N, C-alpha and C. Protein backbone atom coordinates (compact mmCIF):
# COMPACT_ATOMS: atom_id res chain seq x y z
N MET A 1 -19.82 -25.18 -50.93
CA MET A 1 -19.99 -24.93 -52.52
C MET A 1 -21.25 -23.77 -52.16
N THR A 2 -21.34 -22.87 -52.46
CA THR A 2 -21.85 -21.89 -52.43
C THR A 2 -22.80 -21.53 -53.75
N ARG A 3 -24.01 -21.27 -53.15
CA ARG A 3 -25.23 -21.15 -54.02
C ARG A 3 -25.72 -19.80 -54.71
N ARG A 4 -25.22 -19.37 -56.04
CA ARG A 4 -25.43 -18.00 -56.64
C ARG A 4 -27.12 -17.98 -57.14
N GLY A 5 -27.50 -16.71 -56.92
CA GLY A 5 -28.81 -16.26 -57.80
C GLY A 5 -30.15 -16.16 -56.42
N PHE A 6 -31.24 -16.02 -57.17
CA PHE A 6 -32.38 -15.80 -56.30
C PHE A 6 -33.45 -16.77 -56.45
N THR A 7 -34.51 -16.70 -55.51
CA THR A 7 -34.92 -18.42 -55.19
C THR A 7 -36.36 -17.63 -55.84
N LEU A 8 -37.23 -18.20 -56.11
CA LEU A 8 -38.36 -18.55 -56.70
C LEU A 8 -39.26 -17.40 -55.79
N ILE A 9 -39.22 -17.65 -54.44
CA ILE A 9 -39.65 -16.87 -53.86
C ILE A 9 -39.57 -15.27 -53.45
N GLU A 10 -37.86 -15.20 -53.35
CA GLU A 10 -37.25 -13.95 -53.55
C GLU A 10 -37.62 -13.11 -54.71
N THR A 11 -37.67 -13.86 -55.58
CA THR A 11 -38.15 -13.18 -57.31
C THR A 11 -39.42 -12.86 -57.30
N LEU A 12 -40.18 -13.74 -56.51
CA LEU A 12 -41.91 -13.17 -56.62
C LEU A 12 -42.27 -12.01 -55.68
N ALA A 13 -41.55 -11.88 -54.65
CA ALA A 13 -41.46 -10.98 -54.00
C ALA A 13 -40.69 -9.48 -54.46
N ALA A 14 -39.79 -9.89 -55.56
CA ALA A 14 -39.25 -8.43 -56.02
C ALA A 14 -40.83 -8.21 -56.72
N VAL A 15 -41.03 -8.93 -57.51
CA VAL A 15 -41.99 -8.51 -58.71
C VAL A 15 -43.13 -7.85 -58.22
N LEU A 16 -43.42 -8.46 -56.86
CA LEU A 16 -44.85 -7.89 -56.26
C LEU A 16 -44.51 -6.39 -55.59
N LEU A 17 -43.53 -6.20 -55.31
CA LEU A 17 -43.13 -4.92 -54.66
C LEU A 17 -43.30 -3.68 -56.08
N ILE A 18 -42.17 -4.56 -57.48
CA ILE A 18 -42.40 -3.49 -58.49
C ILE A 18 -43.72 -3.45 -58.81
N ALA A 19 -44.30 -4.45 -58.62
CA ALA A 19 -45.95 -3.82 -59.13
C ALA A 19 -46.88 -2.76 -58.16
N ILE A 20 -46.24 -2.90 -57.20
CA ILE A 20 -47.10 -2.21 -56.00
C ILE A 20 -46.54 -0.44 -56.58
N LEU A 21 -45.34 -0.63 -56.15
CA LEU A 21 -44.81 0.72 -56.51
C LEU A 21 -45.37 1.44 -58.13
N ALA A 22 -45.51 0.56 -59.02
CA ALA A 22 -45.70 0.93 -60.26
C ALA A 22 -47.03 1.62 -60.22
N ARG A 23 -47.87 0.72 -59.67
CA ARG A 23 -49.31 1.11 -59.67
C ARG A 23 -49.45 2.86 -58.45
N THR A 24 -49.05 2.59 -57.16
CA THR A 24 -48.88 3.44 -56.64
C THR A 24 -48.66 4.91 -57.66
N THR A 25 -47.25 4.78 -58.32
CA THR A 25 -47.03 5.99 -59.13
C THR A 25 -48.14 6.46 -60.12
N THR A 26 -48.65 5.37 -60.25
CA THR A 26 -49.73 5.57 -61.54
C THR A 26 -51.03 6.43 -61.36
N LEU A 27 -51.69 6.22 -60.01
CA LEU A 27 -52.48 6.93 -59.25
C LEU A 27 -51.70 8.15 -59.07
N ALA A 28 -50.85 8.40 -58.39
CA ALA A 28 -50.17 9.72 -58.30
C ALA A 28 -50.00 10.24 -59.34
N MET A 29 -50.02 9.76 -60.38
CA MET A 29 -49.60 10.65 -61.54
C MET A 29 -50.86 11.33 -61.94
N ALA A 30 -51.88 10.48 -62.04
CA ALA A 30 -53.14 10.64 -62.51
C ALA A 30 -53.86 11.59 -61.78
N SER A 31 -53.72 11.62 -60.32
CA SER A 31 -54.51 12.85 -59.41
C SER A 31 -53.19 13.82 -59.58
N LEU A 32 -52.28 14.04 -59.58
CA LEU A 32 -51.67 15.35 -59.88
C LEU A 32 -51.72 15.65 -61.25
N THR A 33 -52.13 15.04 -62.45
CA THR A 33 -52.75 15.33 -63.89
C THR A 33 -54.03 16.04 -63.48
N ALA A 34 -54.71 15.17 -62.94
CA ALA A 34 -56.52 15.82 -62.65
C ALA A 34 -56.36 17.16 -61.80
N SER A 35 -55.39 17.42 -61.02
CA SER A 35 -55.24 18.83 -60.45
C SER A 35 -54.54 19.79 -61.38
N MET A 36 -53.50 19.71 -62.17
CA MET A 36 -53.03 20.54 -62.79
C MET A 36 -54.34 21.09 -63.91
N ALA A 37 -54.98 20.17 -64.35
CA ALA A 37 -55.84 20.47 -65.02
C ALA A 37 -57.16 21.62 -64.43
N VAL A 38 -57.64 21.36 -63.56
CA VAL A 38 -58.57 22.03 -62.68
C VAL A 38 -57.69 23.28 -62.69
N GLY A 39 -56.81 23.67 -62.16
CA GLY A 39 -55.86 24.68 -61.53
C GLY A 39 -55.90 25.46 -63.00
N ALA A 40 -55.07 24.81 -63.99
CA ALA A 40 -55.21 25.70 -64.78
C ALA A 40 -56.73 26.28 -66.02
N ALA A 41 -57.52 25.12 -65.85
CA ALA A 41 -58.71 25.81 -66.36
C ALA A 41 -59.50 26.66 -65.14
N THR A 42 -59.13 26.79 -63.75
CA THR A 42 -59.90 27.80 -62.84
C THR A 42 -59.17 28.88 -63.16
N ARG A 43 -57.65 29.24 -63.23
CA ARG A 43 -56.93 30.55 -63.20
C ARG A 43 -57.80 30.81 -64.95
N THR A 44 -57.63 30.10 -65.62
CA THR A 44 -58.03 30.74 -66.98
C THR A 44 -59.44 31.93 -67.10
N LEU A 45 -60.29 30.93 -66.75
CA LEU A 45 -61.71 31.60 -66.24
C LEU A 45 -61.71 32.67 -65.55
N ALA A 46 -61.37 32.65 -64.50
CA ALA A 46 -61.06 33.53 -63.44
C ALA A 46 -60.38 34.88 -64.37
N GLN A 47 -58.97 34.90 -65.00
CA GLN A 47 -58.87 35.85 -65.77
C GLN A 47 -59.53 36.42 -67.06
N THR A 48 -59.80 35.35 -67.43
CA THR A 48 -61.09 35.99 -68.74
C THR A 48 -62.23 36.50 -67.82
N MET A 49 -62.73 36.54 -66.68
CA MET A 49 -63.76 37.10 -65.78
C MET A 49 -63.18 38.52 -65.78
N ARG A 50 -61.86 38.51 -65.35
CA ARG A 50 -61.60 39.99 -64.91
C ARG A 50 -61.45 40.78 -66.44
N GLU A 51 -60.96 40.42 -67.25
CA GLU A 51 -60.72 41.00 -68.49
C GLU A 51 -62.22 41.36 -69.05
N ILE A 52 -63.25 40.31 -68.92
CA ILE A 52 -64.47 40.95 -68.99
C ILE A 52 -65.35 42.25 -68.51
N ARG A 53 -64.94 41.90 -66.98
CA ARG A 53 -65.44 43.34 -66.26
C ARG A 53 -64.38 44.32 -66.65
N ALA A 54 -63.18 44.52 -67.06
CA ALA A 54 -62.56 45.73 -67.93
C ALA A 54 -63.37 45.99 -69.07
N ARG A 55 -63.46 45.08 -69.90
CA ARG A 55 -63.93 45.25 -70.92
C ARG A 55 -65.63 46.06 -71.13
N ALA A 56 -66.37 45.80 -69.77
CA ALA A 56 -67.61 45.92 -69.72
C ALA A 56 -67.47 47.86 -69.21
N MET A 57 -66.82 48.00 -68.51
CA MET A 57 -66.13 49.27 -68.20
C MET A 57 -65.78 49.96 -69.05
N ALA A 58 -64.88 49.27 -69.92
CA ALA A 58 -64.29 50.55 -71.15
C ALA A 58 -65.74 50.83 -72.08
N GLU A 59 -66.17 49.68 -72.46
CA GLU A 59 -67.58 49.98 -73.59
C GLU A 59 -68.75 50.18 -72.81
N GLY A 60 -68.70 50.69 -71.50
CA GLY A 60 -69.78 51.38 -70.50
C GLY A 60 -71.08 50.53 -71.07
N LEU A 61 -71.05 48.98 -71.02
CA LEU A 61 -71.95 48.26 -71.35
C LEU A 61 -72.03 46.92 -70.53
N PRO A 62 -72.96 46.58 -69.93
CA PRO A 62 -73.50 45.13 -69.21
C PRO A 62 -72.51 43.88 -70.04
N LEU A 63 -72.20 43.18 -69.92
CA LEU A 63 -71.53 41.63 -70.45
C LEU A 63 -71.94 40.61 -68.99
N ASP A 64 -71.86 39.19 -70.00
CA ASP A 64 -72.22 38.42 -68.89
C ASP A 64 -71.36 37.32 -69.30
N VAL A 65 -71.02 36.48 -68.19
CA VAL A 65 -70.61 35.06 -68.54
C VAL A 65 -71.60 34.21 -68.15
N ALA A 66 -71.67 33.18 -69.24
CA ALA A 66 -72.92 32.34 -69.22
C ALA A 66 -71.96 31.12 -68.86
N PHE A 67 -72.57 30.06 -68.09
CA PHE A 67 -72.16 28.93 -68.04
C PHE A 67 -73.22 27.90 -68.63
N ASP A 68 -72.69 26.74 -69.38
CA ASP A 68 -73.56 25.81 -70.23
C ASP A 68 -72.82 24.60 -69.55
N VAL A 69 -73.78 23.95 -68.43
CA VAL A 69 -73.38 22.72 -67.89
C VAL A 69 -73.32 21.64 -69.02
N THR A 70 -74.13 21.83 -70.01
CA THR A 70 -74.84 20.14 -70.66
C THR A 70 -73.19 20.36 -71.28
N ALA A 71 -72.86 21.81 -72.36
CA ALA A 71 -72.07 21.24 -73.27
C ALA A 71 -70.38 21.51 -72.76
N GLN A 72 -70.67 21.89 -71.24
CA GLN A 72 -69.28 21.76 -70.69
C GLN A 72 -68.52 23.40 -71.39
N ARG A 73 -69.12 24.33 -71.57
CA ARG A 73 -68.07 25.47 -71.53
C ARG A 73 -69.30 26.89 -71.32
N TRP A 74 -68.38 28.26 -71.16
CA TRP A 74 -68.62 29.31 -70.86
C TRP A 74 -68.70 30.28 -72.02
N THR A 75 -69.76 30.98 -72.09
CA THR A 75 -69.62 31.98 -72.92
C THR A 75 -69.76 33.48 -72.73
N ILE A 76 -69.12 34.41 -73.08
CA ILE A 76 -68.86 35.76 -72.86
C ILE A 76 -70.38 35.99 -74.16
N ARG A 77 -71.23 37.09 -73.58
CA ARG A 77 -72.03 37.89 -74.04
C ARG A 77 -72.57 39.21 -73.65
N THR A 78 -73.22 39.96 -74.48
CA THR A 78 -74.37 41.22 -74.48
C THR A 78 -75.67 41.12 -73.57
N THR A 79 -76.10 41.46 -73.52
CA THR A 79 -77.24 41.39 -72.16
C THR A 79 -78.35 41.16 -73.31
N ASP A 80 -78.32 41.77 -74.68
CA ASP A 80 -79.52 41.26 -75.69
C ASP A 80 -78.86 39.67 -76.21
N GLY A 81 -77.99 39.16 -75.86
CA GLY A 81 -77.67 37.66 -76.33
C GLY A 81 -77.01 37.91 -77.30
N ALA A 82 -76.33 38.74 -77.72
CA ALA A 82 -74.94 38.68 -78.67
C ALA A 82 -74.02 37.78 -78.20
N VAL A 83 -73.13 36.94 -79.09
CA VAL A 83 -71.88 35.85 -78.30
C VAL A 83 -70.83 37.06 -79.05
N ARG A 84 -70.23 37.39 -77.84
CA ARG A 84 -68.77 37.36 -77.97
C ARG A 84 -67.65 36.79 -78.29
N ARG A 85 -67.76 35.50 -77.50
CA ARG A 85 -66.70 34.55 -77.18
C ARG A 85 -67.37 33.07 -76.58
N THR A 86 -66.60 31.97 -77.06
CA THR A 86 -67.26 30.60 -76.43
C THR A 86 -66.04 29.64 -76.14
N GLU A 87 -65.77 29.39 -74.65
CA GLU A 87 -64.37 28.49 -74.78
C GLU A 87 -65.46 27.03 -73.87
N PRO A 88 -64.66 26.00 -74.29
CA PRO A 88 -65.08 25.08 -73.52
C PRO A 88 -63.96 24.63 -72.84
N LEU A 89 -64.33 24.06 -71.23
CA LEU A 89 -63.84 23.67 -70.49
C LEU A 89 -62.51 22.38 -70.78
N PRO A 90 -61.36 22.30 -70.68
CA PRO A 90 -60.97 21.35 -70.84
C PRO A 90 -61.30 19.99 -70.19
N ALA A 91 -61.29 18.97 -71.21
CA ALA A 91 -61.61 17.53 -70.71
C ALA A 91 -60.21 16.73 -69.42
N PRO A 92 -60.74 16.69 -68.69
CA PRO A 92 -62.22 15.95 -67.70
C PRO A 92 -63.01 16.92 -67.25
N VAL A 93 -61.85 18.08 -67.03
CA VAL A 93 -62.74 19.82 -66.02
C VAL A 93 -64.32 19.77 -66.07
N GLY A 94 -64.98 19.81 -65.26
CA GLY A 94 -66.96 19.76 -65.50
C GLY A 94 -66.82 21.03 -64.50
N PHE A 95 -68.24 21.67 -64.71
CA PHE A 95 -68.75 22.82 -63.76
C PHE A 95 -69.16 21.57 -62.47
N VAL A 96 -68.72 22.04 -61.04
CA VAL A 96 -69.42 21.38 -60.16
C VAL A 96 -70.66 22.21 -59.92
N SER A 97 -70.76 23.62 -59.41
CA SER A 97 -71.50 24.47 -58.80
C SER A 97 -71.59 25.71 -59.66
N LEU A 98 -72.63 26.33 -59.90
CA LEU A 98 -72.61 27.49 -60.53
C LEU A 98 -73.60 28.36 -59.69
N PRO A 99 -74.02 29.79 -60.04
CA PRO A 99 -74.86 30.92 -59.58
C PRO A 99 -75.88 29.83 -60.18
N ALA A 100 -77.07 30.37 -59.21
CA ALA A 100 -78.48 29.96 -59.40
C ALA A 100 -78.65 30.45 -60.96
N ALA A 101 -78.56 31.39 -61.56
CA ALA A 101 -78.75 32.03 -62.97
C ALA A 101 -78.06 31.21 -63.83
N ALA A 102 -76.86 30.53 -63.32
CA ALA A 102 -75.61 30.16 -64.44
C ALA A 102 -75.35 31.30 -65.33
N ARG A 103 -74.96 32.22 -64.85
CA ARG A 103 -73.81 33.81 -65.14
C ARG A 103 -73.88 34.30 -64.30
N ILE A 104 -73.00 35.23 -64.64
CA ILE A 104 -72.27 36.18 -63.72
C ILE A 104 -72.26 37.72 -64.88
N ARG A 105 -72.98 38.64 -64.35
CA ARG A 105 -73.06 39.93 -64.82
C ARG A 105 -71.95 40.79 -64.57
N PHE A 106 -71.38 41.34 -65.44
CA PHE A 106 -70.56 42.33 -64.71
C PHE A 106 -70.86 43.78 -65.66
N THR A 107 -71.22 45.29 -64.61
CA THR A 107 -71.88 46.11 -65.41
C THR A 107 -71.28 47.11 -65.48
N SER A 108 -71.50 48.33 -66.25
CA SER A 108 -70.83 48.89 -66.57
C SER A 108 -69.75 49.91 -65.94
N SER A 109 -70.01 49.61 -64.25
CA SER A 109 -69.56 50.73 -63.42
C SER A 109 -68.28 49.49 -62.84
N GLY A 110 -68.60 48.47 -63.42
CA GLY A 110 -67.04 47.76 -62.74
C GLY A 110 -68.40 46.48 -61.67
N THR A 111 -69.15 46.91 -61.16
CA THR A 111 -69.88 45.90 -59.89
C THR A 111 -70.42 44.70 -60.92
N ALA A 112 -71.08 43.63 -59.90
CA ALA A 112 -71.26 42.23 -60.30
C ALA A 112 -72.37 41.55 -59.86
N ASP A 113 -72.68 40.69 -60.22
CA ASP A 113 -73.71 39.28 -59.36
C ASP A 113 -72.79 38.73 -58.32
N ASN A 114 -73.14 38.69 -57.47
CA ASN A 114 -72.19 37.65 -56.45
C ASN A 114 -72.25 36.42 -56.79
N GLY A 115 -71.53 35.66 -56.96
CA GLY A 115 -71.37 33.90 -57.34
C GLY A 115 -70.19 33.25 -56.98
N THR A 116 -70.49 32.45 -57.21
CA THR A 116 -69.16 31.13 -57.05
C THR A 116 -69.30 29.96 -58.47
N VAL A 117 -68.07 29.93 -58.65
CA VAL A 117 -67.93 28.78 -59.58
C VAL A 117 -66.78 27.84 -59.33
N VAL A 118 -67.75 26.55 -59.56
CA VAL A 118 -66.69 25.63 -58.50
C VAL A 118 -66.75 24.71 -60.21
N LEU A 119 -64.90 24.57 -60.63
CA LEU A 119 -65.02 23.63 -61.63
C LEU A 119 -64.24 22.59 -61.07
N GLY A 120 -64.16 21.63 -61.71
CA GLY A 120 -63.48 19.88 -60.66
C GLY A 120 -63.57 18.83 -61.89
N THR A 121 -62.78 17.64 -61.39
CA THR A 121 -63.11 16.59 -61.74
C THR A 121 -62.44 15.46 -60.63
N GLY A 122 -63.48 14.43 -60.24
CA GLY A 122 -63.44 13.75 -59.15
C GLY A 122 -63.24 14.53 -58.05
N ALA A 123 -61.91 13.91 -56.82
CA ALA A 123 -61.72 14.89 -55.93
C ALA A 123 -61.40 16.44 -55.12
N THR A 124 -60.76 16.73 -56.94
CA THR A 124 -60.37 17.97 -57.17
C THR A 124 -61.13 18.78 -57.67
N THR A 125 -61.40 20.06 -56.72
CA THR A 125 -61.89 21.17 -57.61
C THR A 125 -61.28 22.44 -57.23
N GLY A 126 -61.91 23.58 -58.09
CA GLY A 126 -60.88 24.99 -57.84
C GLY A 126 -62.15 25.75 -57.83
N ARG A 127 -62.37 27.07 -56.89
CA ARG A 127 -63.34 28.18 -56.85
C ARG A 127 -62.71 28.99 -57.29
N ILE A 128 -64.08 29.67 -57.60
CA ILE A 128 -63.52 31.35 -58.41
C ILE A 128 -65.16 32.13 -57.97
N VAL A 129 -64.44 33.07 -56.60
CA VAL A 129 -65.74 33.91 -56.28
C VAL A 129 -65.65 35.16 -56.71
N VAL A 130 -66.86 35.71 -57.20
CA VAL A 130 -67.33 37.10 -57.56
C VAL A 130 -67.72 37.62 -56.48
N ASN A 131 -67.46 38.87 -55.69
CA ASN A 131 -68.12 39.87 -55.13
C ASN A 131 -68.77 40.87 -56.03
N GLN A 132 -69.80 41.28 -54.98
CA GLN A 132 -70.70 42.47 -55.76
C GLN A 132 -70.10 44.01 -56.07
N ARG A 133 -68.91 44.20 -55.61
CA ARG A 133 -67.57 45.03 -56.43
C ARG A 133 -67.05 44.55 -57.83
N GLY A 134 -67.40 42.97 -57.69
CA GLY A 134 -66.79 42.57 -59.52
C GLY A 134 -65.23 42.05 -59.17
N ARG A 135 -64.83 42.18 -57.94
CA ARG A 135 -63.92 41.28 -57.39
C ARG A 135 -63.75 39.81 -58.25
N VAL A 136 -62.98 39.52 -58.53
CA VAL A 136 -62.78 38.28 -59.15
C VAL A 136 -61.32 37.54 -58.60
N ARG A 137 -61.81 35.97 -57.31
CA ARG A 137 -60.64 35.93 -57.03
C ARG A 137 -60.86 34.43 -56.82
N LEU A 138 -59.78 33.65 -56.70
CA LEU A 138 -59.52 32.15 -56.59
C LEU A 138 -59.94 31.96 -54.99
N GLY A 139 -61.11 31.29 -54.82
CA GLY A 139 -60.72 30.91 -53.22
C GLY A 139 -61.12 29.52 -53.01
C-alpha cells in the first residue's frame, strides 16, 4: 500500500520557504523603488539646474536654485528674491547634504557657485555636482 500526499512537516517546510521568498522579494522591491525615486529626482533637479544656467545666460542676470530642507523643495528665484518656480521633492526623497548657503547661483556669464547637492532616502543617494564654470553633472 502506497501513501499519497504530504506530511505535516513537508507542508510546513514549503510554507516557510514561500514566506522567506516573499519577504526577500518585498525587501528587494522596496529598495528598487527607493533607488528609482532617488535617481529620477536627481536627474530632474540636475536638468533643471542646467536649464537655469542657460536661462541666466540668455536673460543676462543671475538666477539662484535655493533648497528648503524643511519643506523638502527647491525654488528658482532672482537675486532680488522674486520666485520663478518652486518644486517639491517626491516622497520619500529628501535632501541629505547641501552647499553651506543652501543655494547655487548661476551668473549671467554661465559660471556658478561650487556646490554638491545630495538627495536620498535610506541608504540610497544621488549626487549633483556643480563646478565654478557652471557645469552640472551627476556624481
